[in-house]
Amino acid sequence: MTKWWMVRAGDNNELIPVWLRQKIVSIGWPDLENPKLFTTKEQLLSKADLVYSEEKPQTRNSWVSQVWRFSREIEIGDRIISYSKEKREYIIGSVTEAHYYDYANENPYPNTLKVKWEANTVARDQLSQSAKNSLGSVLTVFRVDQWGSEIEGLLANPSIVKNPDVPPEDDETVIIEDLKSKARLMIEDKVDKLDPWQLQDLVGGLLQAMKYNVKISPKGPDGGVDILAYKDAFGFEQPIIKVQVKHRKSTAGSPEIQQLLGANPLKANCLFVSTGGFTSQAMIVAKQNSVKLVDLEELVQLIIEWYELMPNDTRALLPLQKMYVPE
């Protein structure tokens, strides 16, 4: 049976263009060196205990398990899927060459497989909610056999959705991480369903939780600024932050970053929130001008972190419950 594997594209989803161009898929943990040099998983774990001694044992075990799976269990013909945050779509390919270790130029993602990528992609919105939740796990490498039929169906015909009920792996670490990621994905979907004005209010409430005074623009033309945030009651004291909030499926481009930079007050710090993500050119312009970019995933992470300090009317827009899991 063909195995399906989800592989996340780097810490900041930066690897998708490299993978497509070089026809590969790759993961990191270079401090472990070539995993093929270790005869057993226990030997690799001993190496992890040495080089990642400051990490929790559970974390080290999770990392080793993922490297071991990638290097030993993925075979020629297996299917690879990965998510492009910029385009909100999944790329799919087939493994054509088994694991090799790329030593070149201190490569931060040296564990590599050759992949033939499909010309077609699958938009995230086309997937069933269960598939979206499962594929959103924070693990770098994990099996997703249960969604193979659905994904193949969507590649052939976007109107077809199949959901075979196959349980995921029962490894304790995988289960805990899967619970966390599913919760984050569900929150993302809830945020995505807010209208633009509600999202603007949500971002304003988040800034209030961070101890900023906020002034939210009323509905209508905003001159490129949706929210002003400042530390003192009158707005005299630095830092002052001007915020643009874009709630849509499409990515925000560099002209919109430039518009925020050019909006009054000119000397304010800039924060741009876009649920559709950002184009690569927008990220370059933002970095050059010290503009902080926040996509849907990071926005949800900030909401989780600051939720209990957000005003009650803001939390009413996004009701959440606290969940406890074992360490």
C-alpha atoms as a PDB file:
ATOM      1  CA  MET A   1       0.000   0.000   0.000  1.00  0.00           C
ATOM      2  CA  THR A   2       1.238   3.483  -0.873  1.00  0.00           C
ATOM      3  CA  LYS A   3       2.028   5.511   2.241  1.00  0.00           C
ATOM      4  CA  TRP A   4       1.133   9.193   2.520  1.00  0.00           C
ATOM      5  CA  TRP A   5       3.370  11.599   4.447  1.00  0.00           C
ATOM      6  CA  MET A   6       2.849  15.209   5.474  1.00  0.00           C
ATOM      7  CA  VAL A   7       6.115  17.182   5.608  1.00  0.00           C
ATOM      8  CA  ARG A   8       6.156  20.780   6.835  1.00  0.00           C
ATOM      9  CA  ALA A   9       8.189  23.183   4.695  1.00  0.00           C
ATOM     10  CA  GLY A  10      10.647  24.678   7.194  1.00  0.00           C
ATOM     11  CA  ASP A  11      10.160  26.807  10.297  1.00  0.00           C
ATOM     12  CA  ASN A  12       8.634  29.673   8.291  1.00  0.00           C
ATOM     13  CA  ASN A  13       7.213  27.745   5.321  1.00  0.00           C
ATOM     14  CA  GLU A  14      10.170  29.054   3.300  1.00  0.00           C
ATOM     15  CA  LEU A  15      11.127  25.796   1.584  1.00  0.00           C
ATOM     16  CA  ILE A  16       8.240  25.383  -0.885  1.00  0.00           C
ATOM     17  CA  PRO A  17       9.924  27.293  -3.787  1.00  0.00           C
ATOM     18  CA  VAL A  18      13.214  25.427  -3.191  1.00  0.00           C
ATOM     19  CA  TRP A  19      11.488  22.051  -3.144  1.00  0.00           C
ATOM     20  CA  LEU A  20       9.565  22.699  -6.334  1.00  0.00           C
ATOM     21  CA  ARG A  21      12.629  24.036  -8.139  1.00  0.00           C
ATOM     22  CA  GLN A  22      15.004  21.267  -7.030  1.00  0.00           C
ATOM     23  CA  LYS A  23      12.380  18.476  -7.060  1.00  0.00           C
ATOM     24  CA  ILE A  24      13.092  17.494  -3.467  1.00  0.00           C
ATOM     25  CA  VAL A  25      11.621  17.470   0.033  1.00  0.00           C
ATOM     26  CA  SER A  26      13.885  18.060   3.031  1.00  0.00           C
ATOM     27  CA  ILE A  27      13.949  18.349   6.816  1.00  0.00           C
ATOM     28  CA  GLY A  28      16.499  19.664   9.309  1.00  0.00           C
ATOM     29  CA  TRP A  29      18.100  18.651  12.621  1.00  0.00           C
ATOM     30  CA  PRO A  30      21.639  18.791  11.153  1.00  0.00           C
ATOM     31  CA  ASP A  31      23.169  18.462  14.645  1.00  0.00           C
ATOM     32  CA  LEU A  32      22.097  14.823  14.573  1.00  0.00           C
ATOM     33  CA  GLU A  33      24.308  14.337  11.494  1.00  0.00           C
ATOM     34  CA  ASN A  34      23.470  11.671   8.919  1.00  0.00           C
ATOM     35  CA  PRO A  35      20.853   9.380  10.520  1.00  0.00           C
ATOM     36  CA  LYS A  36      21.969   6.529   8.241  1.00  0.00           C
ATOM     37  CA  LEU A  37      25.180   6.375  10.310  1.00  0.00           C
ATOM     38  CA  PHE A  38      23.144   5.012  13.233  1.00  0.00           C
ATOM     39  CA  THR A  39      22.116   1.366  13.272  1.00  0.00           C
ATOM     40  CA  THR A  40      19.226   1.773  15.707  1.00  0.00           C
ATOM     41  CA  LYS A  41      16.807   4.493  16.732  1.00  0.00           C
ATOM     42  CA  GLU A  42      18.164   4.230  20.294  1.00  0.00           C
ATOM     43  CA  GLN A  43      21.648   5.192  19.041  1.00  0.00           C
ATOM     44  CA  LEU A  44      20.168   8.231  17.305  1.00  0.00           C
ATOM     45  CA  LEU A  45      18.315   9.156  20.498  1.00  0.00           C
ATOM     46  CA  SER A  46      21.599   8.992  22.431  1.00  0.00           C
ATOM     47  CA  LYS A  47      23.048  11.449  19.923  1.00  0.00           C
ATOM     48  CA  ALA A  48      20.033  13.725  20.439  1.00  0.00           C
ATOM     49  CA  ASP A  49      20.476  13.531  24.227  1.00  0.00           C
ATOM     50  CA  LEU A  50      23.998  14.839  23.697  1.00  0.00           C
ATOM     51  CA  VAL A  51      23.432  17.629  21.157  1.00  0.00           C
ATOM     52  CA  TYR A  52      19.979  18.737  22.385  1.00  0.00           C
ATOM     53  CA  SER A  53      20.565  18.290  26.111  1.00  0.00           C
ATOM     54  CA  GLU A  54      18.692  21.503  26.978  1.00  0.00           C
ATOM     55  CA  GLU A  55      15.452  20.252  25.398  1.00  0.00           C
ATOM     56  CA  LYS A  56      12.822  18.179  27.211  1.00  0.00           C
ATOM     57  CA  PRO A  57      13.170  14.379  26.815  1.00  0.00           C
ATOM     58  CA  GLN A  58       9.749  14.268  25.153  1.00  0.00           C
ATOM     59  CA  THR A  59      10.874  16.873  22.607  1.00  0.00           C
ATOM     60  CA  ARG A  60      14.111  15.005  21.845  1.00  0.00           C
ATOM     61  CA  ASN A  61      12.192  11.775  21.377  1.00  0.00           C
ATOM     62  CA  SER A  62       9.726  13.463  19.026  1.00  0.00           C
ATOM     63  CA  TRP A  63      12.521  14.945  16.900  1.00  0.00           C
ATOM     64  CA  VAL A  64      14.365  11.626  16.639  1.00  0.00           C
ATOM     65  CA  SER A  65      11.153   9.797  15.708  1.00  0.00           C
ATOM     66  CA  GLN A  66      10.532  12.214  12.855  1.00  0.00           C
ATOM     67  CA  VAL A  67      14.094  12.029  11.509  1.00  0.00           C
ATOM     68  CA  TRP A  68      14.001   8.237  11.757  1.00  0.00           C
ATOM     69  CA  ARG A  69      10.703   8.033   9.869  1.00  0.00           C
ATOM     70  CA  PHE A  70      11.917  10.404   7.169  1.00  0.00           C
ATOM     71  CA  SER A  71      15.216   8.587   6.631  1.00  0.00           C
ATOM     72  CA  ARG A  72      14.124   4.954   7.131  1.00  0.00           C
ATOM     73  CA  GLU A  73      10.382   4.581   6.535  1.00  0.00           C
ATOM     74  CA  ILE A  74       9.619   6.775   3.508  1.00  0.00           C
ATOM     75  CA  GLU A  75      10.094   4.717   0.358  1.00  0.00           C
ATOM     76  CA  ILE A  76      10.187   5.262  -3.403  1.00  0.00           C
ATOM     77  CA  GLY A  77       6.607   5.633  -4.613  1.00  0.00           C
ATOM     78  CA  ASP A  78       5.286   7.026  -1.335  1.00  0.00           C
ATOM     79  CA  ARG A  79       3.263  10.218  -1.601  1.00  0.00           C
ATOM     80  CA  ILE A  80       4.380  13.536  -0.043  1.00  0.00           C
ATOM     81  CA  ILE A  81       2.088  16.435   0.803  1.00  0.00           C
ATOM     82  CA  SER A  82       3.064  19.865   2.120  1.00  0.00           C
ATOM     83  CA  TYR A  83       1.252  23.137   2.763  1.00  0.00           C
ATOM     84  CA  SER A  84       2.035  26.474   1.122  1.00  0.00           C
ATOM     85  CA  LYS A  85       0.900  29.210   3.509  1.00  0.00           C
ATOM     86  CA  GLU A  86       1.410  31.902   0.871  1.00  0.00           C
ATOM     87  CA  LYS A  87      -1.079  30.298  -1.531  1.00  0.00           C
ATOM     88  CA  ARG A  88      -3.178  28.426   1.077  1.00  0.00           C
ATOM     89  CA  GLU A  89      -2.824  25.205  -0.882  1.00  0.00           C
ATOM     90  CA  TYR A  90      -1.231  21.771  -0.626  1.00  0.00           C
ATOM     91  CA  ILE A  91       1.435  20.531  -3.017  1.00  0.00           C
ATOM     92  CA  ILE A  92       1.578  16.804  -3.687  1.00  0.00           C
ATOM     93  CA  GLY A  93       4.352  14.619  -5.088  1.00  0.00           C
ATOM     94  CA  SER A  94       5.781  11.094  -5.305  1.00  0.00           C
ATOM     95  CA  VAL A  95       9.146  10.000  -3.924  1.00  0.00           C
ATOM     96  CA  THR A  96      11.569   9.066  -6.740  1.00  0.00           C
ATOM     97  CA  GLU A  97      14.787   8.611  -4.723  1.00  0.00           C
ATOM     98  CA  ALA A  98      15.218   7.420  -1.138  1.00  0.00           C
ATOM     99  CA  HIS A  99      16.850   9.389   1.656  1.00  0.00           C
ATOM    100  CA  TYR A 100      20.267  10.962   1.215  1.00  0.00           C
ATOM    101  CA  TYR A 101      22.166  13.434   3.382  1.00  0.00           C
ATOM    102  CA  ASP A 102      23.108  16.724   1.689  1.00  0.00           C
ATOM    103  CA  TYR A 103      26.293  18.031   3.320  1.00  0.00           C
ATOM    104  CA  ALA A 104      26.652  21.046   1.011  1.00  0.00           C
ATOM    105  CA  ASN A 105      27.237  24.533   2.470  1.00  0.00           C
ATOM    106  CA  GLU A 106      26.133  23.712   6.031  1.00  0.00           C
ATOM    107  CA  ASN A 107      22.636  23.034   4.747  1.00  0.00           C
ATOM    108  CA  PRO A 108      20.137  23.561   7.615  1.00  0.00           C
ATOM    109  CA  TYR A 109      17.783  21.009   5.995  1.00  0.00           C
ATOM    110  CA  PRO A 110      20.194  18.242   4.952  1.00  0.00           C
ATOM    111  CA  ASN A 111      17.899  15.193   5.157  1.00  0.00           C
ATOM    112  CA  THR A 112      16.582  14.948   1.619  1.00  0.00           C
ATOM    113  CA  LEU A 113      14.364  12.891  -0.693  1.00  0.00           C
ATOM    114  CA  LYS A 114      13.924  13.320  -4.434  1.00  0.00           C
ATOM    115  CA  VAL A 115      10.281  14.040  -5.346  1.00  0.00           C
ATOM    116  CA  LYS A 116       8.306  14.433  -8.562  1.00  0.00           C
ATOM    117  CA  TRP A 117       5.799  17.169  -7.755  1.00  0.00           C
ATOM    118  CA  GLU A 118       2.339  17.176  -9.324  1.00  0.00           C
ATOM    119  CA  ALA A 119       1.389  20.093 -11.570  1.00  0.00           C
ATOM    120  CA  ASN A 120      -1.981  20.352  -9.781  1.00  0.00           C
ATOM    121  CA  THR A 121      -2.449  21.472  -6.179  1.00  0.00           C
ATOM    122  CA  VAL A 122      -5.279  21.196  -3.656  1.00  0.00           C
ATOM    123  CA  ALA A 123      -6.674  24.352  -2.042  1.00  0.00           C
ATOM    124  CA  ARG A 124      -7.072  24.110   1.724  1.00  0.00           C
ATOM    125  CA  ASP A 125     -10.704  25.221   1.495  1.00  0.00           C
ATOM    126  CA  GLN A 126     -11.474  22.191  -0.718  1.00  0.00           C
ATOM    127  CA  LEU A 127     -10.593  19.702   2.027  1.00  0.00           C
ATOM    128  CA  SER A 128     -13.005  18.363   4.601  1.00  0.00           C
ATOM    129  CA  GLN A 129     -12.752  19.855   8.090  1.00  0.00           C
ATOM    130  CA  SER A 130     -11.378  16.585   9.493  1.00  0.00           C
ATOM    131  CA  ALA A 131      -8.627  16.516   6.889  1.00  0.00           C
ATOM    132  CA  LYS A 132      -7.717  20.158   7.563  1.00  0.00           C
ATOM    133  CA  ASN A 133      -7.496  19.469  11.281  1.00  0.00           C
ATOM    134  CA  SER A 134      -5.307  16.388  10.817  1.00  0.00           C
ATOM    135  CA  LEU A 135      -2.979  17.965   8.253  1.00  0.00           C
ATOM    136  CA  GLY A 136      -2.444  20.954  10.550  1.00  0.00           C
ATOM    137  CA  SER A 137      -0.352  19.018  13.085  1.00  0.00           C
ATOM    138  CA  VAL A 138       2.736  20.924  14.230  1.00  0.00           C
ATOM    139  CA  LEU A 139       4.937  17.870  13.675  1.00  0.00           C
ATOM    140  CA  THR A 140       7.362  18.145  10.764  1.00  0.00           C
ATOM    141  CA  VAL A 141       6.874  14.580   9.467  1.00  0.00           C
ATOM    142  CA  PHE A 142       3.824  12.372  10.040  1.00  0.00           C
ATOM    143  CA  ARG A 143       1.656   9.779   8.276  1.00  0.00           C
ATOM    144  CA  VAL A 144      -1.621  10.892   6.691  1.00  0.00           C
ATOM    145  CA  ASP A 145      -2.703   7.684   4.931  1.00  0.00           C
ATOM    146  CA  GLN A 146      -6.300   8.243   6.014  1.00  0.00           C
ATOM    147  CA  TRP A 147      -6.568  11.308   3.728  1.00  0.00           C
ATOM    148  CA  GLY A 148      -4.867   9.867   0.651  1.00  0.00           C
ATOM    149  CA  SER A 149      -8.122   8.991  -1.134  1.00  0.00           C
ATOM    150  CA  GLU A 150      -9.595  12.432  -0.487  1.00  0.00           C
ATOM    151  CA  ILE A 151      -6.483  14.199  -1.774  1.00  0.00           C
ATOM    152  CA  GLU A 152      -6.202  11.971  -4.868  1.00  0.00           C
ATOM    153  CA  GLY A 153      -9.870  12.614  -5.577  1.00  0.00           C
ATOM    154  CA  LEU A 154      -9.410  16.373  -5.350  1.00  0.00           C
ATOM    155  CA  LEU A 155      -6.385  16.238  -7.631  1.00  0.00           C
ATOM    156  CA  ALA A 156      -8.490  14.489 -10.257  1.00  0.00           C
ATOM    157  CA  ASN A 157     -11.722  16.363  -9.583  1.00  0.00           C
ATOM    158  CA  PRO A 158     -12.085  19.155  -6.967  1.00  0.00           C
ATOM    159  CA  SER A 159     -15.766  18.261  -6.447  1.00  0.00           C
ATOM    160  CA  ILE A 160     -14.945  14.771  -5.101  1.00  0.00           C
ATOM    161  CA  VAL A 161     -14.244  14.350  -1.379  1.00  0.00           C
ATOM    162  CA  LYS A 162     -13.665  10.960   0.254  1.00  0.00           C
ATOM    163  CA  ASN A 163     -13.112  10.449   3.971  1.00  0.00           C
ATOM    164  CA  PRO A 164     -12.001   6.902   4.892  1.00  0.00           C
ATOM    165  CA  ASP A 165     -12.156   6.492   8.658  1.00  0.00           C
ATOM    166  CA  VAL A 166      -8.617   5.294   9.379  1.00  0.00           C
ATOM    167  CA  PRO A 167      -7.271   6.152  12.864  1.00  0.00           C
ATOM    168  CA  PRO A 168      -4.001   8.088  13.126  1.00  0.00           C
ATOM    169  CA  GLU A 169      -0.833   6.756  14.750  1.00  0.00           C
ATOM    170  CA  ASP A 170      -1.290   6.148  18.492  1.00  0.00           C
ATOM    171  CA  ASP A 171       2.148   7.296  19.641  1.00  0.00           C
ATOM    172  CA  GLU A 172       1.581   9.438  22.774  1.00  0.00           C
ATOM    173  CA  THR A 173       3.665  12.343  21.488  1.00  0.00           C
ATOM    174  CA  VAL A 174       1.840  12.336  18.169  1.00  0.00           C
ATOM    175  CA  ILE A 175      -1.544  12.269  19.910  1.00  0.00           C
ATOM    176  CA  ILE A 176      -0.712  15.228  22.167  1.00  0.00           C
ATOM    177  CA  GLU A 177       0.776  17.300  19.347  1.00  0.00           C
ATOM    178  CA  ASP A 178      -2.173  16.380  17.147  1.00  0.00           C
ATOM    179  CA  LEU A 179      -4.631  17.586  19.810  1.00  0.00           C
ATOM    180  CA  LYS A 180      -2.784  20.892  20.099  1.00  0.00           C
ATOM    181  CA  SER A 181      -2.605  21.397  16.350  1.00  0.00           C
ATOM    182  CA  LYS A 182      -6.253  20.480  15.843  1.00  0.00           C
ATOM    183  CA  ALA A 183      -7.240  23.060  18.463  1.00  0.00           C
ATOM    184  CA  ARG A 184      -5.137  25.716  16.698  1.00  0.00           C
ATOM    185  CA  LEU A 185      -6.642  24.793  13.325  1.00  0.00           C
ATOM    186  CA  MET A 186     -10.161  25.023  14.725  1.00  0.00           C
ATOM    187  CA  ILE A 187      -9.384  28.479  16.132  1.00  0.00           C
ATOM    188  CA  GLU A 188      -7.927  29.506  12.763  1.00  0.00           C
ATOM    189  CA  ASP A 189     -11.142  28.451  11.057  1.00  0.00           C
ATOM    190  CA  LYS A 190     -13.222  30.387  13.608  1.00  0.00           C
ATOM    191  CA  VAL A 191     -11.118  33.519  13.054  1.00  0.00           C
ATOM    192  CA  ASP A 192     -11.376  33.025   9.294  1.00  0.00           C
ATOM    193  CA  LYS A 193     -15.184  33.106   9.550  1.00  0.00           C
ATOM    194  CA  LEU A 194     -15.242  36.547  11.215  1.00  0.00           C
ATOM    195  CA  ASP A 195     -16.129  39.474   8.977  1.00  0.00           C
ATOM    196  CA  PRO A 196     -13.458  42.145   8.295  1.00  0.00           C
ATOM    197  CA  TRP A 197     -14.781  44.515  10.958  1.00  0.00           C
ATOM    198  CA  GLN A 198     -14.922  41.792  13.595  1.00  0.00           C
ATOM    199  CA  LEU A 199     -11.347  40.824  12.797  1.00  0.00           C
ATOM    200  CA  GLN A 200     -10.323  44.457  13.141  1.00  0.00           C
ATOM    201  CA  ASP A 201     -11.957  44.541  16.585  1.00  0.00           C
ATOM    202  CA  LEU A 202     -10.248  41.237  17.483  1.00  0.00           C
ATOM    203  CA  VAL A 203      -6.807  42.658  16.630  1.00  0.00           C
ATOM    204  CA  GLY A 204      -7.650  45.791  18.603  1.00  0.00           C
ATOM    205  CA  GLY A 205      -8.594  43.676  21.626  1.00  0.00           C
ATOM    206  CA  LEU A 206      -5.348  41.726  21.285  1.00  0.00           C
ATOM    207  CA  LEU A 207      -3.376  44.979  21.437  1.00  0.00           C
ATOM    208  CA  GLN A 208      -5.383  46.035  24.497  1.00  0.00           C
ATOM    209  CA  ALA A 209      -4.386  42.784  26.176  1.00  0.00           C
ATOM    210  CA  MET A 210      -0.782  43.809  25.488  1.00  0.00           C
ATOM    211  CA  LYS A 211      -1.456  47.020  27.491  1.00  0.00           C
ATOM    212  CA  TYR A 212      -1.858  49.365  24.531  1.00  0.00           C
ATOM    213  CA  ASN A 213      -4.538  52.025  24.198  1.00  0.00           C
ATOM    214  CA  VAL A 214      -6.211  51.569  20.839  1.00  0.00           C
ATOM    215  CA  LYS A 215      -8.178  53.683  18.403  1.00  0.00           C
ATOM    216  CA  ILE A 216     -10.027  51.584  15.809  1.00  0.00           C
ATOM    217  CA  SER A 217     -11.061  53.247  12.554  1.00  0.00           C
ATOM    218  CA  PRO A 218     -14.809  53.275  11.836  1.00  0.00           C
ATOM    219  CA  LYS A 219     -16.206  51.531   8.767  1.00  0.00           C
ATOM    220  CA  GLY A 220     -15.234  53.259   5.540  1.00  0.00           C
ATOM    221  CA  PRO A 221     -11.969  54.547   3.993  1.00  0.00           C
ATOM    222  CA  ASP A 222      -9.169  54.402   6.560  1.00  0.00           C
ATOM    223  CA  GLY A 223      -6.256  55.946   4.682  1.00  0.00           C
ATOM    224  CA  GLY A 224      -4.240  52.738   5.033  1.00  0.00           C
ATOM    225  CA  VAL A 225      -4.510  52.515   8.847  1.00  0.00           C
ATOM    226  CA  ASP A 226      -7.181  50.446  10.609  1.00  0.00           C
ATOM    227  CA  ILE A 227      -5.890  50.733  14.175  1.00  0.00           C
ATOM    228  CA  LEU A 228      -3.621  53.090  16.105  1.00  0.00           C
ATOM    229  CA  ALA A 229      -2.075  51.726  19.290  1.00  0.00           C
ATOM    230  CA  TYR A 230      -0.121  53.743  21.848  1.00  0.00           C
ATOM    231  CA  LYS A 231       1.079  53.472  25.439  1.00  0.00           C
ATOM    232  CA  ASP A 232      -0.258  56.673  26.989  1.00  0.00           C
ATOM    233  CA  ALA A 233      -3.853  57.888  27.029  1.00  0.00           C
ATOM    234  CA  PHE A 234      -3.185  60.819  24.663  1.00  0.00           C
ATOM    235  CA  GLY A 235      -0.984  59.087  22.128  1.00  0.00           C
ATOM    236  CA  PHE A 236       2.066  61.296  22.739  1.00  0.00           C
ATOM    237  CA  GLU A 237       4.410  58.636  24.049  1.00  0.00           C
ATOM    238  CA  GLN A 238       6.389  56.234  21.868  1.00  0.00           C
ATOM    239  CA  PRO A 239       6.007  53.563  20.704  1.00  0.00           C
ATOM    240  CA  ILE A 240       3.029  54.302  18.497  1.00  0.00           C
ATOM    241  CA  ILE A 241       1.904  51.465  16.241  1.00  0.00           C
ATOM    242  CA  LYS A 242      -0.170  51.855  13.103  1.00  0.00           C
ATOM    243  CA  VAL A 243      -1.938  48.687  12.028  1.00  0.00           C
ATOM    244  CA  GLN A 244      -3.456  47.526   8.757  1.00  0.00           C
ATOM    245  CA  VAL A 245      -5.769  44.484   8.889  1.00  0.00           C
ATOM    246  CA  LYS A 246      -6.622  42.546   5.712  1.00  0.00           C
ATOM    247  CA  HIS A 247      -9.123  39.709   6.043  1.00  0.00           C
ATOM    248  CA  ARG A 248      -9.291  37.775   2.784  1.00  0.00           C
ATOM    249  CA  LYS A 249      -8.074  34.641   0.994  1.00  0.00           C
ATOM    250  CA  SER A 250      -5.555  36.391  -1.268  1.00  0.00           C
ATOM    251  CA  THR A 251      -2.061  37.396  -0.162  1.00  0.00           C
ATOM    252  CA  ALA A 252      -1.120  40.974   0.699  1.00  0.00           C
ATOM    253  CA  GLY A 253       1.401  42.497  -1.706  1.00  0.00           C
ATOM    254  CA  SER A 254       4.239  44.987  -1.463  1.00  0.00           C
ATOM    255  CA  PRO A 255       2.115  47.991  -2.619  1.00  0.00           C
ATOM    256  CA  GLU A 256      -0.078  47.512   0.459  1.00  0.00           C
ATOM    257  CA  ILE A 257       2.995  47.459   2.685  1.00  0.00           C
ATOM    258  CA  GLN A 258       4.154  50.687   1.053  1.00  0.00           C
ATOM    259  CA  GLN A 259       0.725  52.234   1.615  1.00  0.00           C
ATOM    260  CA  LEU A 260       0.937  51.492   5.338  1.00  0.00           C
ATOM    261  CA  LEU A 261       4.470  52.938   5.495  1.00  0.00           C
ATOM    262  CA  GLY A 262       3.265  56.136   3.811  1.00  0.00           C
ATOM    263  CA  ALA A 263       0.201  56.602   6.004  1.00  0.00           C
ATOM    264  CA  ASN A 264       0.138  59.007   8.962  1.00  0.00           C
ATOM    265  CA  PRO A 265       1.683  59.047  11.508  1.00  0.00           C
ATOM    266  CA  LEU A 266       4.836  58.563   9.421  1.00  0.00           C
ATOM    267  CA  LYS A 267       7.145  57.865  12.377  1.00  0.00           C
ATOM    268  CA  ALA A 268       4.952  55.162  13.884  1.00  0.00           C
ATOM    269  CA  ASN A 269       5.947  51.506  13.944  1.00  0.00           C
ATOM    270  CA  CYS A 270       4.064  49.360  11.417  1.00  0.00           C
ATOM    271  CA  LEU A 271       2.102  46.155  11.963  1.00  0.00           C
ATOM    272  CA  PHE A 272       0.366  44.430   9.041  1.00  0.00           C
ATOM    273  CA  VAL A 273      -2.102  41.594   9.728  1.00  0.00           C
ATOM    274  CA  SER A 274      -3.200  39.509   6.734  1.00  0.00           C
ATOM    275  CA  THR A 275      -5.197  36.288   7.094  1.00  0.00           C
ATOM    276  CA  GLY A 276      -4.295  35.434   3.497  1.00  0.00           C
ATOM    277  CA  GLY A 277      -0.566  35.709   4.156  1.00  0.00           C
ATOM    278  CA  PHE A 278       1.945  37.746   2.172  1.00  0.00           C
ATOM    279  CA  THR A 279       3.693  37.555  -1.167  1.00  0.00           C
ATOM    280  CA  SER A 280       7.443  36.982  -1.155  1.00  0.00           C
ATOM    281  CA  GLN A 281       7.981  40.551  -2.409  1.00  0.00           C
ATOM    282  CA  ALA A 282       5.836  41.913   0.427  1.00  0.00           C
ATOM    283  CA  MET A 283       8.014  40.044   2.935  1.00  0.00           C
ATOM    284  CA  ILE A 284      11.160  41.550   1.378  1.00  0.00           C
ATOM    285  CA  VAL A 285       9.760  45.112   1.545  1.00  0.00           C
ATOM    286  CA  ALA A 286       8.553  44.552   5.112  1.00  0.00           C
ATOM    287  CA  LYS A 287      11.963  43.306   6.240  1.00  0.00           C
ATOM    288  CA  GLN A 288      13.713  46.283   4.613  1.00  0.00           C
ATOM    289  CA  ASN A 289      11.418  48.726   6.443  1.00  0.00           C
ATOM    290  CA  SER A 290      11.035  46.912   9.801  1.00  0.00           C
ATOM    291  CA  VAL A 291       7.331  46.215   9.260  1.00  0.00           C
ATOM    292  CA  LYS A 292       6.012  43.404  11.457  1.00  0.00           C
ATOM    293  CA  LEU A 293       3.941  40.920   9.428  1.00  0.00           C
ATOM    294  CA  VAL A 294       1.372  38.648  11.079  1.00  0.00           C
ATOM    295  CA  ASP A 295      -0.452  35.930   9.132  1.00  0.00           C
ATOM    296  CA  LEU A 296      -3.427  33.868  10.295  1.00  0.00           C
ATOM    297  CA  GLU A 297      -1.277  31.214  11.993  1.00  0.00           C
ATOM    298  CA  GLU A 298       0.758  33.730  14.000  1.00  0.00           C
ATOM    299  CA  LEU A 299      -2.353  35.766  14.838  1.00  0.00           C
ATOM    300  CA  VAL A 300      -3.972  32.677  16.373  1.00  0.00           C
ATOM    301  CA  GLN A 301      -0.803  31.918  18.333  1.00  0.00           C
ATOM    302  CA  LEU A 302      -0.859  35.477  19.761  1.00  0.00           C
ATOM    303  CA  ILE A 303      -4.557  35.178  20.578  1.00  0.00           C
ATOM    304  CA  ILE A 304      -3.912  31.936  22.494  1.00  0.00           C
ATOM    305  CA  GLU A 305      -1.065  33.582  24.414  1.00  0.00           C
ATOM    306  CA  TRP A 306      -2.981  36.751  25.372  1.00  0.00           C
ATOM    307  CA  TYR A 307      -6.589  35.517  25.359  1.00  0.00           C
ATOM    308  CA  GLU A 308      -7.268  35.692  29.102  1.00  0.00           C
ATOM    309  CA  LEU A 309      -6.229  39.375  29.191  1.00  0.00           C
ATOM    310  CA  MET A 310      -8.384  40.413  26.233  1.00  0.00           C
ATOM    311  CA  PRO A 311     -11.527  42.511  26.957  1.00  0.00           C
ATOM    312  CA  ASN A 312     -14.752  40.571  27.442  1.00  0.00           C
ATOM    313  CA  ASP A 313     -16.409  42.049  24.347  1.00  0.00           C
ATOM    314  CA  THR A 314     -13.421  40.947  22.246  1.00  0.00           C
ATOM    315  CA  ARG A 315     -13.447  37.425  23.681  1.00  0.00           C
ATOM    316  CA  ALA A 316     -17.164  37.263  22.840  1.00  0.00           C
ATOM    317  CA  LEU A 317     -16.172  37.425  19.185  1.00  0.00           C
ATOM    318  CA  LEU A 318     -14.106  34.269  19.647  1.00  0.00           C
ATOM    319  CA  PRO A 319     -15.278  32.166  22.635  1.00  0.00           C
ATOM    320  CA  LEU A 320     -12.546  29.707  23.686  1.00  0.00           C
ATOM    321  CA  GLN A 321     -12.136  27.108  26.437  1.00  0.00           C
ATOM    322  CA  LYS A 322      -8.864  26.177  28.141  1.00  0.00           C
ATOM    323  CA  MET A 323      -7.664  22.603  27.553  1.00  0.00           C
ATOM    324  CA  TYR A 324      -5.041  20.717  29.574  1.00  0.00           C
ATOM    325  CA  VAL A 325      -2.773  17.995  28.160  1.00  0.00           C
ATOM    326  CA  PRO A 326       0.046  16.004  29.819  1.00  0.00           C
ATOM    327  CA  GLU A 327       3.594  17.396  29.679  1.00  0.00           C
END
